[in-house]
Amino acid sequence: MIFMKKTGLILATMLVALCVLGLISPAKGQAAPKISLEMNGVPVTTLNIPVCSEFTLEFWIRDIEMLWGLVAFDIVITWNPDLIELLEADPIEREGWTHVVSPGPGSATVKSYTTVANRWIGNATWVLFTFHCLGEGTDLMVLESGEIVLSDGGPGAPTSPEPCEVTVHQFKAVGGVVVPVNKLAVLSPYLALIGLVGAVTVAVAVRRRKP
């Protein structure tokens, strides 16, 4: 009985020790950050865009683990070139970073990198993609990552985030495109016509009153 109690105590002590070691031991790797396409810092999954309109999507990298920083990324975004065209892929300029943009029909690749000492800590937007809708239909835009390289001050560690998708519904605007209008400028011809009719009416009335 005493032996069993001692054995149980030893096992319990070993279990606690293992738990403590697990908590304080350094991680051998890190979780992949999240990549996303956003508008004004808000992730989007579905867009409704009138044909012939332009829209801009922000490429973000989020949720990098504490003590780790971004040193390089390689991403590609694809779409249907019959429905959407890329107007501009504009990387956010940051000191010490090099950006290489390779646009093509239906896709664009962006590669960026820096030194370990200059690694980026925290969430950030990295590229602004501006598109133009060509025709009616539904397109699936896909953002994929070749590699997102992180560092905790040592050699870079590549990670592979999950892809991001945005469904774009493109429709023809009913009644044309709405634009700001100066109401007074629109009504001016009608006001002038009303004034002319009033003047003629007065002139006719005066003429009839003459003996």
C-alpha atoms as a PDB file:
ATOM      1  CA  MET A   1       0.000   0.000   0.000  1.00  0.00           C
ATOM      2  CA  ILE A   2       2.821   2.366   0.941  1.00  0.00           C
ATOM      3  CA  PHE A   3       4.624   1.391  -2.276  1.00  0.00           C
ATOM      4  CA  MET A   4       1.554   2.259  -4.365  1.00  0.00           C
ATOM      5  CA  LYS A   5       1.241   5.655  -2.655  1.00  0.00           C
ATOM      6  CA  LYS A   6       4.907   6.412  -3.316  1.00  0.00           C
ATOM      7  CA  THR A   7       4.546   5.335  -6.946  1.00  0.00           C
ATOM      8  CA  GLY A   8       1.487   7.549  -7.385  1.00  0.00           C
ATOM      9  CA  LEU A   9       3.333  10.484  -5.832  1.00  0.00           C
ATOM     10  CA  ILE A  10       6.298   9.973  -8.133  1.00  0.00           C
ATOM     11  CA  LEU A  11       4.061   9.806 -11.226  1.00  0.00           C
ATOM     12  CA  ALA A  12       2.193  12.927 -10.175  1.00  0.00           C
ATOM     13  CA  THR A  13       5.476  14.766  -9.628  1.00  0.00           C
ATOM     14  CA  MET A  14       6.733  13.696 -13.061  1.00  0.00           C
ATOM     15  CA  LEU A  15       3.498  14.822 -14.693  1.00  0.00           C
ATOM     16  CA  VAL A  16       3.731  18.271 -13.098  1.00  0.00           C
ATOM     17  CA  ALA A  17       7.380  18.519 -14.135  1.00  0.00           C
ATOM     18  CA  LEU A  18       6.527  17.648 -17.726  1.00  0.00           C
ATOM     19  CA  CYS A  19       3.751  20.251 -17.796  1.00  0.00           C
ATOM     20  CA  VAL A  20       6.083  22.915 -16.445  1.00  0.00           C
ATOM     21  CA  LEU A  21       8.795  22.006 -18.930  1.00  0.00           C
ATOM     22  CA  GLY A  22       6.247  22.124 -21.728  1.00  0.00           C
ATOM     23  CA  LEU A  23       5.197  25.620 -20.728  1.00  0.00           C
ATOM     24  CA  ILE A  24       8.652  27.104 -20.415  1.00  0.00           C
ATOM     25  CA  SER A  25      10.490  25.284 -23.160  1.00  0.00           C
ATOM     26  CA  PRO A  26      11.119  27.347 -26.312  1.00  0.00           C
ATOM     27  CA  ALA A  27       8.878  26.601 -29.285  1.00  0.00           C
ATOM     28  CA  LYS A  28      10.594  24.803 -32.116  1.00  0.00           C
ATOM     29  CA  GLY A  29       8.346  26.502 -34.695  1.00  0.00           C
ATOM     30  CA  GLN A  30       5.614  29.060 -35.001  1.00  0.00           C
ATOM     31  CA  ALA A  31       2.094  29.141 -36.382  1.00  0.00           C
ATOM     32  CA  ALA A  32       1.667  30.598 -39.843  1.00  0.00           C
ATOM     33  CA  PRO A  33       0.272  34.146 -39.880  1.00  0.00           C
ATOM     34  CA  LYS A  34      -2.956  35.015 -41.701  1.00  0.00           C
ATOM     35  CA  ILE A  35      -3.097  36.657 -45.111  1.00  0.00           C
ATOM     36  CA  SER A  36      -6.205  38.534 -46.193  1.00  0.00           C
ATOM     37  CA  LEU A  37      -7.723  40.934 -48.719  1.00  0.00           C
ATOM     38  CA  GLU A  38      -9.381  43.862 -46.985  1.00  0.00           C
ATOM     39  CA  MET A  39     -11.044  47.239 -47.443  1.00  0.00           C
ATOM     40  CA  ASN A  40     -10.221  49.946 -44.905  1.00  0.00           C
ATOM     41  CA  GLY A  41      -8.684  47.309 -42.655  1.00  0.00           C
ATOM     42  CA  VAL A  42     -11.751  45.046 -42.690  1.00  0.00           C
ATOM     43  CA  PRO A  43     -11.470  41.563 -44.290  1.00  0.00           C
ATOM     44  CA  VAL A  44     -13.864  40.975 -47.189  1.00  0.00           C
ATOM     45  CA  THR A  45     -15.153  37.724 -48.660  1.00  0.00           C
ATOM     46  CA  THR A  46     -17.860  39.035 -51.024  1.00  0.00           C
ATOM     47  CA  LEU A  47     -18.128  42.217 -53.097  1.00  0.00           C
ATOM     48  CA  ASN A  48     -20.917  43.648 -55.259  1.00  0.00           C
ATOM     49  CA  ILE A  49     -19.403  46.011 -57.826  1.00  0.00           C
ATOM     50  CA  PRO A  50     -21.091  47.831 -60.754  1.00  0.00           C
ATOM     51  CA  VAL A  51     -19.593  47.174 -64.192  1.00  0.00           C
ATOM     52  CA  CYS A  52     -17.033  49.820 -65.284  1.00  0.00           C
ATOM     53  CA  SER A  53     -16.303  50.657 -61.628  1.00  0.00           C
ATOM     54  CA  GLU A  54     -12.940  50.520 -59.862  1.00  0.00           C
ATOM     55  CA  PHE A  55     -12.198  49.026 -56.460  1.00  0.00           C
ATOM     56  CA  THR A  56      -9.109  48.635 -54.286  1.00  0.00           C
ATOM     57  CA  LEU A  57      -8.173  45.671 -52.098  1.00  0.00           C
ATOM     58  CA  GLU A  58      -5.520  45.789 -49.396  1.00  0.00           C
ATOM     59  CA  PHE A  59      -3.202  42.825 -48.876  1.00  0.00           C
ATOM     60  CA  TRP A  60      -2.643  42.310 -45.128  1.00  0.00           C
ATOM     61  CA  ILE A  61      -0.462  39.997 -43.051  1.00  0.00           C
ATOM     62  CA  ARG A  62      -1.846  39.497 -39.537  1.00  0.00           C
ATOM     63  CA  ASP A  63      -1.398  37.421 -36.379  1.00  0.00           C
ATOM     64  CA  ILE A  64       2.368  37.024 -36.336  1.00  0.00           C
ATOM     65  CA  GLU A  65       3.338  35.382 -33.059  1.00  0.00           C
ATOM     66  CA  MET A  66       4.945  37.441 -30.321  1.00  0.00           C
ATOM     67  CA  LEU A  67       8.732  37.881 -30.564  1.00  0.00           C
ATOM     68  CA  TRP A  68       8.628  36.983 -34.260  1.00  0.00           C
ATOM     69  CA  GLY A  69       8.858  39.422 -37.152  1.00  0.00           C
ATOM     70  CA  LEU A  70       8.321  39.375 -40.916  1.00  0.00           C
ATOM     71  CA  VAL A  71      11.436  39.335 -43.112  1.00  0.00           C
ATOM     72  CA  ALA A  72      10.025  38.251 -46.485  1.00  0.00           C
ATOM     73  CA  PHE A  73       6.865  37.271 -48.333  1.00  0.00           C
ATOM     74  CA  ASP A  74       5.976  35.863 -51.733  1.00  0.00           C
ATOM     75  CA  ILE A  75       2.300  36.078 -52.745  1.00  0.00           C
ATOM     76  CA  VAL A  76       0.222  35.735 -55.895  1.00  0.00           C
ATOM     77  CA  ILE A  77      -3.316  36.955 -56.548  1.00  0.00           C
ATOM     78  CA  THR A  78      -5.391  35.552 -59.432  1.00  0.00           C
ATOM     79  CA  TRP A  79      -8.678  36.496 -61.123  1.00  0.00           C
ATOM     80  CA  ASN A  80     -10.633  36.087 -64.379  1.00  0.00           C
ATOM     81  CA  PRO A  81      -9.088  38.514 -66.909  1.00  0.00           C
ATOM     82  CA  ASP A  82     -12.314  38.483 -68.967  1.00  0.00           C
ATOM     83  CA  LEU A  83     -14.180  40.096 -66.053  1.00  0.00           C
ATOM     84  CA  ILE A  84     -11.530  42.084 -64.178  1.00  0.00           C
ATOM     85  CA  GLU A  85      -8.354  43.931 -65.091  1.00  0.00           C
ATOM     86  CA  LEU A  86      -5.572  45.081 -62.789  1.00  0.00           C
ATOM     87  CA  LEU A  87      -4.915  48.824 -62.932  1.00  0.00           C
ATOM     88  CA  GLU A  88      -2.182  49.010 -60.302  1.00  0.00           C
ATOM     89  CA  ALA A  89      -0.311  46.918 -57.735  1.00  0.00           C
ATOM     90  CA  ASP A  90       1.215  49.417 -55.317  1.00  0.00           C
ATOM     91  CA  PRO A  91       3.472  48.044 -52.533  1.00  0.00           C
ATOM     92  CA  ILE A  92       3.631  50.052 -49.314  1.00  0.00           C
ATOM     93  CA  GLU A  93       7.105  51.555 -49.151  1.00  0.00           C
ATOM     94  CA  ARG A  94       8.985  50.831 -45.936  1.00  0.00           C
ATOM     95  CA  GLU A  95      12.592  51.665 -45.171  1.00  0.00           C
ATOM     96  CA  GLY A  96      14.939  48.757 -45.807  1.00  0.00           C
ATOM     97  CA  TRP A  97      12.390  46.715 -47.775  1.00  0.00           C
ATOM     98  CA  THR A  98      12.699  45.676 -51.424  1.00  0.00           C
ATOM     99  CA  HIS A  99       9.560  44.958 -53.475  1.00  0.00           C
ATOM    100  CA  VAL A 100       9.304  43.176 -56.827  1.00  0.00           C
ATOM    101  CA  VAL A 101       5.921  43.262 -58.614  1.00  0.00           C
ATOM    102  CA  SER A 102       5.198  41.015 -61.607  1.00  0.00           C
ATOM    103  CA  PRO A 103       1.739  41.734 -63.066  1.00  0.00           C
ATOM    104  CA  GLY A 104       0.193  39.652 -65.808  1.00  0.00           C
ATOM    105  CA  PRO A 105      -3.183  38.931 -67.417  1.00  0.00           C
ATOM    106  CA  GLY A 106      -5.276  37.409 -64.649  1.00  0.00           C
ATOM    107  CA  SER A 107      -2.546  37.359 -61.993  1.00  0.00           C
ATOM    108  CA  ALA A 108       0.011  39.410 -60.119  1.00  0.00           C
ATOM    109  CA  THR A 109       2.978  38.274 -58.035  1.00  0.00           C
ATOM    110  CA  VAL A 110       4.600  40.369 -55.323  1.00  0.00           C
ATOM    111  CA  LYS A 111       7.879  39.438 -53.611  1.00  0.00           C
ATOM    112  CA  SER A 112       9.271  41.531 -50.751  1.00  0.00           C
ATOM    113  CA  TYR A 113      12.204  41.050 -48.402  1.00  0.00           C
ATOM    114  CA  THR A 114      14.460  42.761 -45.863  1.00  0.00           C
ATOM    115  CA  THR A 115      17.196  41.901 -43.357  1.00  0.00           C
ATOM    116  CA  VAL A 116      16.612  40.098 -40.071  1.00  0.00           C
ATOM    117  CA  ALA A 117      17.629  43.228 -38.162  1.00  0.00           C
ATOM    118  CA  ASN A 118      14.901  45.171 -39.990  1.00  0.00           C
ATOM    119  CA  ARG A 119      12.134  42.587 -39.552  1.00  0.00           C
ATOM    120  CA  TRP A 120       8.575  43.931 -39.268  1.00  0.00           C
ATOM    121  CA  ILE A 121       6.665  43.338 -36.033  1.00  0.00           C
ATOM    122  CA  GLY A 122       2.865  43.331 -35.946  1.00  0.00           C
ATOM    123  CA  ASN A 123      -0.081  43.488 -38.345  1.00  0.00           C
ATOM    124  CA  ALA A 124       0.320  45.564 -41.497  1.00  0.00           C
ATOM    125  CA  THR A 125      -0.961  46.173 -45.002  1.00  0.00           C
ATOM    126  CA  TRP A 126       1.677  45.559 -47.681  1.00  0.00           C
ATOM    127  CA  VAL A 127       0.146  46.037 -51.135  1.00  0.00           C
ATOM    128  CA  LEU A 128      -2.792  47.981 -52.593  1.00  0.00           C
ATOM    129  CA  PHE A 129      -4.389  46.279 -55.605  1.00  0.00           C
ATOM    130  CA  THR A 130      -6.657  48.489 -57.740  1.00  0.00           C
ATOM    131  CA  PHE A 131      -8.974  46.710 -60.194  1.00  0.00           C
ATOM    132  CA  HIS A 132     -11.463  47.673 -62.919  1.00  0.00           C
ATOM    133  CA  CYS A 133     -14.628  45.664 -63.641  1.00  0.00           C
ATOM    134  CA  LEU A 134     -14.958  44.830 -67.339  1.00  0.00           C
ATOM    135  CA  GLY A 135     -18.282  43.006 -67.578  1.00  0.00           C
ATOM    136  CA  GLU A 136     -21.183  41.318 -65.838  1.00  0.00           C
ATOM    137  CA  GLY A 137     -20.615  38.037 -64.019  1.00  0.00           C
ATOM    138  CA  THR A 138     -19.150  36.493 -60.885  1.00  0.00           C
ATOM    139  CA  ASP A 139     -15.424  36.084 -60.364  1.00  0.00           C
ATOM    140  CA  LEU A 140     -13.443  34.336 -57.641  1.00  0.00           C
ATOM    141  CA  MET A 141     -10.255  36.155 -56.673  1.00  0.00           C
ATOM    142  CA  VAL A 142      -7.711  33.970 -54.875  1.00  0.00           C
ATOM    143  CA  LEU A 143      -4.766  35.161 -52.803  1.00  0.00           C
ATOM    144  CA  GLU A 144      -2.088  32.531 -52.140  1.00  0.00           C
ATOM    145  CA  SER A 145       1.280  32.596 -50.446  1.00  0.00           C
ATOM    146  CA  GLY A 146       4.396  30.867 -51.674  1.00  0.00           C
ATOM    147  CA  GLU A 147       6.169  31.641 -48.409  1.00  0.00           C
ATOM    148  CA  ILE A 148       5.861  34.016 -45.482  1.00  0.00           C
ATOM    149  CA  VAL A 149       9.281  34.090 -43.807  1.00  0.00           C
ATOM    150  CA  LEU A 150       9.482  34.992 -40.118  1.00  0.00           C
ATOM    151  CA  SER A 151      12.407  35.468 -37.759  1.00  0.00           C
ATOM    152  CA  ASP A 152      12.848  35.807 -33.999  1.00  0.00           C
ATOM    153  CA  GLY A 153      16.279  37.336 -34.542  1.00  0.00           C
ATOM    154  CA  GLY A 154      17.846  34.169 -35.901  1.00  0.00           C
ATOM    155  CA  PRO A 155      17.643  32.503 -39.330  1.00  0.00           C
ATOM    156  CA  GLY A 156      14.362  32.965 -41.196  1.00  0.00           C
ATOM    157  CA  ALA A 157      11.674  30.325 -40.807  1.00  0.00           C
ATOM    158  CA  PRO A 158       9.296  29.886 -43.792  1.00  0.00           C
ATOM    159  CA  THR A 159       5.575  29.393 -43.144  1.00  0.00           C
ATOM    160  CA  SER A 160       2.626  28.659 -45.456  1.00  0.00           C
ATOM    161  CA  PRO A 161      -0.590  30.555 -44.571  1.00  0.00           C
ATOM    162  CA  GLU A 162      -3.998  29.407 -45.776  1.00  0.00           C
ATOM    163  CA  PRO A 163      -5.212  30.977 -49.064  1.00  0.00           C
ATOM    164  CA  CYS A 164      -7.740  33.798 -49.040  1.00  0.00           C
ATOM    165  CA  GLU A 165     -10.707  34.094 -51.452  1.00  0.00           C
ATOM    166  CA  VAL A 166     -13.002  36.972 -52.428  1.00  0.00           C
ATOM    167  CA  THR A 167     -16.124  36.481 -54.565  1.00  0.00           C
ATOM    168  CA  VAL A 168     -16.821  39.492 -56.783  1.00  0.00           C
ATOM    169  CA  HIS A 169     -20.345  39.893 -58.187  1.00  0.00           C
ATOM    170  CA  GLN A 170     -20.316  42.384 -61.061  1.00  0.00           C
ATOM    171  CA  PHE A 171     -23.620  43.861 -62.223  1.00  0.00           C
ATOM    172  CA  LYS A 172     -24.822  46.498 -64.648  1.00  0.00           C
ATOM    173  CA  ALA A 173     -26.096  49.568 -62.803  1.00  0.00           C
ATOM    174  CA  VAL A 174     -29.834  50.130 -63.422  1.00  0.00           C
ATOM    175  CA  GLY A 175     -30.630  53.621 -64.705  1.00  0.00           C
ATOM    176  CA  GLY A 176     -27.031  54.518 -65.431  1.00  0.00           C
ATOM    177  CA  VAL A 177     -24.289  55.732 -63.159  1.00  0.00           C
ATOM    178  CA  VAL A 178     -25.218  58.031 -60.287  1.00  0.00           C
ATOM    179  CA  VAL A 179     -23.106  61.220 -60.216  1.00  0.00           C
ATOM    180  CA  PRO A 180     -23.258  64.364 -58.087  1.00  0.00           C
ATOM    181  CA  VAL A 181     -25.484  67.019 -59.699  1.00  0.00           C
ATOM    182  CA  ASN A 182     -25.823  70.754 -59.156  1.00  0.00           C
ATOM    183  CA  LYS A 183     -29.591  71.066 -58.779  1.00  0.00           C
ATOM    184  CA  LEU A 184     -29.618  74.802 -59.496  1.00  0.00           C
ATOM    185  CA  ALA A 185     -27.716  74.253 -62.750  1.00  0.00           C
ATOM    186  CA  VAL A 186     -30.258  71.626 -63.792  1.00  0.00           C
ATOM    187  CA  LEU A 187     -33.250  73.854 -62.967  1.00  0.00           C
ATOM    188  CA  SER A 188     -31.826  77.061 -64.469  1.00  0.00           C
ATOM    189  CA  PRO A 189     -33.160  76.473 -68.031  1.00  0.00           C
ATOM    190  CA  TYR A 190     -36.611  75.692 -66.668  1.00  0.00           C
ATOM    191  CA  LEU A 191     -36.577  78.765 -64.417  1.00  0.00           C
ATOM    192  CA  ALA A 192     -35.559  80.908 -67.375  1.00  0.00           C
ATOM    193  CA  LEU A 193     -38.384  79.447 -69.471  1.00  0.00           C
ATOM    194  CA  ILE A 194     -40.900  80.123 -66.703  1.00  0.00           C
ATOM    195  CA  GLY A 195     -39.665  83.713 -66.488  1.00  0.00           C
ATOM    196  CA  LEU A 196     -39.974  84.161 -70.258  1.00  0.00           C
ATOM    197  CA  VAL A 197     -43.520  82.809 -70.296  1.00  0.00           C
ATOM    198  CA  GLY A 198     -44.426  85.156 -67.434  1.00  0.00           C
ATOM    199  CA  ALA A 199     -42.976  88.187 -69.254  1.00  0.00           C
ATOM    200  CA  VAL A 200     -44.857  87.359 -72.460  1.00  0.00           C
ATOM    201  CA  THR A 201     -48.097  86.894 -70.531  1.00  0.00           C
ATOM    202  CA  VAL A 202     -47.715  90.303 -68.860  1.00  0.00           C
ATOM    203  CA  ALA A 203     -46.911  91.981 -72.183  1.00  0.00           C
ATOM    204  CA  VAL A 204     -50.017  90.488 -73.837  1.00  0.00           C
ATOM    205  CA  ALA A 205     -52.200  91.530 -70.908  1.00  0.00           C
ATOM    206  CA  VAL A 206     -50.900  95.146 -71.044  1.00  0.00           C
ATOM    207  CA  ARG A 207     -51.442  95.306 -74.782  1.00  0.00           C
ATOM    208  CA  ARG A 208     -55.036  94.168 -74.455  1.00  0.00           C
ATOM    209  CA  ARG A 209     -55.763  96.870 -71.852  1.00  0.00           C
ATOM    210  CA  LYS A 210     -54.663  99.690 -74.149  1.00  0.00           C
ATOM    211  CA  PRO A 211     -57.632 101.585 -75.722  1.00  0.00           C
END
